[in-house]
Amino acid sequence: MTNKEFISKLSKQTNSTLENTQKLISSIIDEMGEVFEEGETIQISGLGTFEVKKRMERIMINPGTQQRMLIPPKLVLNFRPVPAMKEKLKKKGGKKNG
């Protein structure tokens, strides 16, 4: 689903205009970005938890040249769905909704 399709579907469900829905989604994303920059966790009921984790420094080997490279530590965004969401996805069994 594209961003445009998502906004359209959400605006219909909330009986809001496309413009207002777009502004709302943009505000949510901007605020989440600020929270992540501070290293905070966001927990959304019924969906899951977004958290910033530090990936440690590690050594990687290039399979083509066998050259070893040091990969520096970095921050990554991690998402853990709530058990109910995991179960819902399991029941779908990978089927696509059309």
C-alpha atoms as a PDB file:
ATOM      1  CA  MET A   1       0.000   0.000   0.000  1.00  0.00           C
ATOM      2  CA  THR A   2       1.386   3.376  -0.942  1.00  0.00           C
ATOM      3  CA  ASN A   3       1.361   6.426   1.310  1.00  0.00           C
ATOM      4  CA  LYS A   4      -1.339   8.003  -0.884  1.00  0.00           C
ATOM      5  CA  GLU A   5      -3.548   4.901  -0.639  1.00  0.00           C
ATOM      6  CA  PHE A   6      -3.039   4.726   3.129  1.00  0.00           C
ATOM      7  CA  ILE A   7      -3.958   8.400   3.613  1.00  0.00           C
ATOM      8  CA  SER A   8      -7.026   7.998   1.406  1.00  0.00           C
ATOM      9  CA  LYS A   9      -8.263   4.917   3.276  1.00  0.00           C
ATOM     10  CA  LEU A  10      -7.631   6.503   6.666  1.00  0.00           C
ATOM     11  CA  SER A  11      -9.417   9.740   5.703  1.00  0.00           C
ATOM     12  CA  LYS A  12     -12.492   7.760   4.634  1.00  0.00           C
ATOM     13  CA  GLN A  13     -12.536   5.773   7.889  1.00  0.00           C
ATOM     14  CA  THR A  14     -12.271   8.935   9.995  1.00  0.00           C
ATOM     15  CA  ASN A  15     -14.578  11.059   7.832  1.00  0.00           C
ATOM     16  CA  SER A  16     -11.795  13.636   7.522  1.00  0.00           C
ATOM     17  CA  THR A  17     -10.357  15.448   4.534  1.00  0.00           C
ATOM     18  CA  LEU A  18      -7.278  14.139   2.750  1.00  0.00           C
ATOM     19  CA  GLU A  19      -5.421  17.320   3.711  1.00  0.00           C
ATOM     20  CA  ASN A  20      -6.222  17.009   7.436  1.00  0.00           C
ATOM     21  CA  THR A  21      -5.353  13.316   7.443  1.00  0.00           C
ATOM     22  CA  GLN A  22      -2.035  14.021   5.704  1.00  0.00           C
ATOM     23  CA  LYS A  23      -1.223  16.731   8.273  1.00  0.00           C
ATOM     24  CA  LEU A  24      -2.060  14.355  11.120  1.00  0.00           C
ATOM     25  CA  ILE A  25       0.124  11.551   9.754  1.00  0.00           C
ATOM     26  CA  SER A  26       2.990  13.996   9.121  1.00  0.00           C
ATOM     27  CA  SER A  27       2.694  15.324  12.675  1.00  0.00           C
ATOM     28  CA  ILE A  28       2.755  11.796  14.109  1.00  0.00           C
ATOM     29  CA  ILE A  29       5.827  10.849  12.072  1.00  0.00           C
ATOM     30  CA  ASP A  30       7.641  14.076  12.983  1.00  0.00           C
ATOM     31  CA  GLU A  31       6.929  13.589  16.680  1.00  0.00           C
ATOM     32  CA  MET A  32       7.998   9.936  16.570  1.00  0.00           C
ATOM     33  CA  GLY A  33      11.249  11.009  14.882  1.00  0.00           C
ATOM     34  CA  GLU A  34      11.970  13.488  17.677  1.00  0.00           C
ATOM     35  CA  VAL A  35      11.279  10.847  20.322  1.00  0.00           C
ATOM     36  CA  PHE A  36      13.621   8.384  18.577  1.00  0.00           C
ATOM     37  CA  GLU A  37      16.366  11.027  18.345  1.00  0.00           C
ATOM     38  CA  GLU A  38      16.173  11.292  22.141  1.00  0.00           C
ATOM     39  CA  GLY A  39      16.590   7.508  22.396  1.00  0.00           C
ATOM     40  CA  GLU A  40      13.117   7.033  23.855  1.00  0.00           C
ATOM     41  CA  THR A  41      10.757   4.099  23.306  1.00  0.00           C
ATOM     42  CA  ILE A  42       7.213   4.400  21.906  1.00  0.00           C
ATOM     43  CA  GLN A  43       4.615   1.810  22.869  1.00  0.00           C
ATOM     44  CA  ILE A  44       1.348   1.785  20.904  1.00  0.00           C
ATOM     45  CA  SER A  45      -1.456  -0.345  22.341  1.00  0.00           C
ATOM     46  CA  GLY A  46      -2.689  -2.980  19.930  1.00  0.00           C
ATOM     47  CA  LEU A  47       0.323  -2.518  17.631  1.00  0.00           C
ATOM     48  CA  GLY A  48       3.664  -2.863  19.388  1.00  0.00           C
ATOM     49  CA  THR A  49       6.792  -1.160  20.643  1.00  0.00           C
ATOM     50  CA  PHE A  50       9.281   0.932  18.684  1.00  0.00           C
ATOM     51  CA  GLU A  51      12.683   1.308  20.318  1.00  0.00           C
ATOM     52  CA  VAL A  52      16.122   2.595  19.428  1.00  0.00           C
ATOM     53  CA  LYS A  53      18.852   0.014  19.985  1.00  0.00           C
ATOM     54  CA  LYS A  54      22.600   0.265  19.662  1.00  0.00           C
ATOM     55  CA  ARG A  55      24.127  -2.264  17.286  1.00  0.00           C
ATOM     56  CA  MET A  56      27.619  -3.066  18.523  1.00  0.00           C
ATOM     57  CA  GLU A  57      30.805  -2.807  16.510  1.00  0.00           C
ATOM     58  CA  ARG A  58      31.487  -5.993  14.538  1.00  0.00           C
ATOM     59  CA  ILE A  59      33.770  -7.520  11.961  1.00  0.00           C
ATOM     60  CA  MET A  60      32.362  -8.456   8.558  1.00  0.00           C
ATOM     61  CA  ILE A  61      34.060 -10.553   5.905  1.00  0.00           C
ATOM     62  CA  ASN A  62      33.506  -9.695   2.256  1.00  0.00           C
ATOM     63  CA  PRO A  63      32.591 -13.078   0.672  1.00  0.00           C
ATOM     64  CA  GLY A  64      34.129 -12.132  -2.687  1.00  0.00           C
ATOM     65  CA  THR A  65      37.522 -10.930  -1.493  1.00  0.00           C
ATOM     66  CA  GLN A  66      37.648 -12.501   1.996  1.00  0.00           C
ATOM     67  CA  GLN A  67      38.721  -9.057   3.232  1.00  0.00           C
ATOM     68  CA  ARG A  68      37.789  -8.328   6.844  1.00  0.00           C
ATOM     69  CA  MET A  69      36.133  -4.983   7.551  1.00  0.00           C
ATOM     70  CA  LEU A  70      35.298  -3.308  10.832  1.00  0.00           C
ATOM     71  CA  ILE A  71      31.673  -2.138  10.925  1.00  0.00           C
ATOM     72  CA  PRO A  72      31.283   0.740  13.413  1.00  0.00           C
ATOM     73  CA  PRO A  73      28.528   0.774  16.052  1.00  0.00           C
ATOM     74  CA  LYS A  74      25.260   2.405  15.054  1.00  0.00           C
ATOM     75  CA  LEU A  75      21.748   3.068  16.287  1.00  0.00           C
ATOM     76  CA  VAL A  76      18.900   1.116  14.692  1.00  0.00           C
ATOM     77  CA  LEU A  77      15.134   1.293  15.061  1.00  0.00           C
ATOM     78  CA  ASN A  78      13.563  -1.930  16.293  1.00  0.00           C
ATOM     79  CA  PHE A  79       9.875  -2.891  16.291  1.00  0.00           C
ATOM     80  CA  ARG A  80       8.273  -5.613  18.410  1.00  0.00           C
ATOM     81  CA  PRO A  81       4.600  -6.294  17.659  1.00  0.00           C
ATOM     82  CA  VAL A  82       2.202  -7.144  20.478  1.00  0.00           C
ATOM     83  CA  PRO A  83       1.365 -10.869  20.751  1.00  0.00           C
ATOM     84  CA  ALA A  84      -2.173 -10.279  19.423  1.00  0.00           C
ATOM     85  CA  MET A  85      -0.734  -8.727  16.227  1.00  0.00           C
ATOM     86  CA  LYS A  86       1.692 -11.634  15.796  1.00  0.00           C
ATOM     87  CA  GLU A  87      -1.180 -14.094  16.173  1.00  0.00           C
ATOM     88  CA  LYS A  88      -3.336 -12.170  13.700  1.00  0.00           C
ATOM     89  CA  LEU A  89      -0.545 -12.315  11.113  1.00  0.00           C
ATOM     90  CA  LYS A  90       0.045 -16.028  11.755  1.00  0.00           C
ATOM     91  CA  LYS A  91      -3.619 -16.771  11.089  1.00  0.00           C
ATOM     92  CA  LYS A  92      -3.442 -14.955   7.749  1.00  0.00           C
ATOM     93  CA  GLY A  93      -0.651 -17.319   6.731  1.00  0.00           C
ATOM     94  CA  GLY A  94       0.930 -14.844   4.335  1.00  0.00           C
ATOM     95  CA  LYS A  95      -2.255 -14.389   2.281  1.00  0.00           C
ATOM     96  CA  LYS A  96      -2.552 -11.002   0.577  1.00  0.00           C
ATOM     97  CA  ASN A  97      -5.748  -9.002   0.822  1.00  0.00           C
ATOM     98  CA  GLY A  98      -6.839  -7.575  -2.488  1.00  0.00           C
END
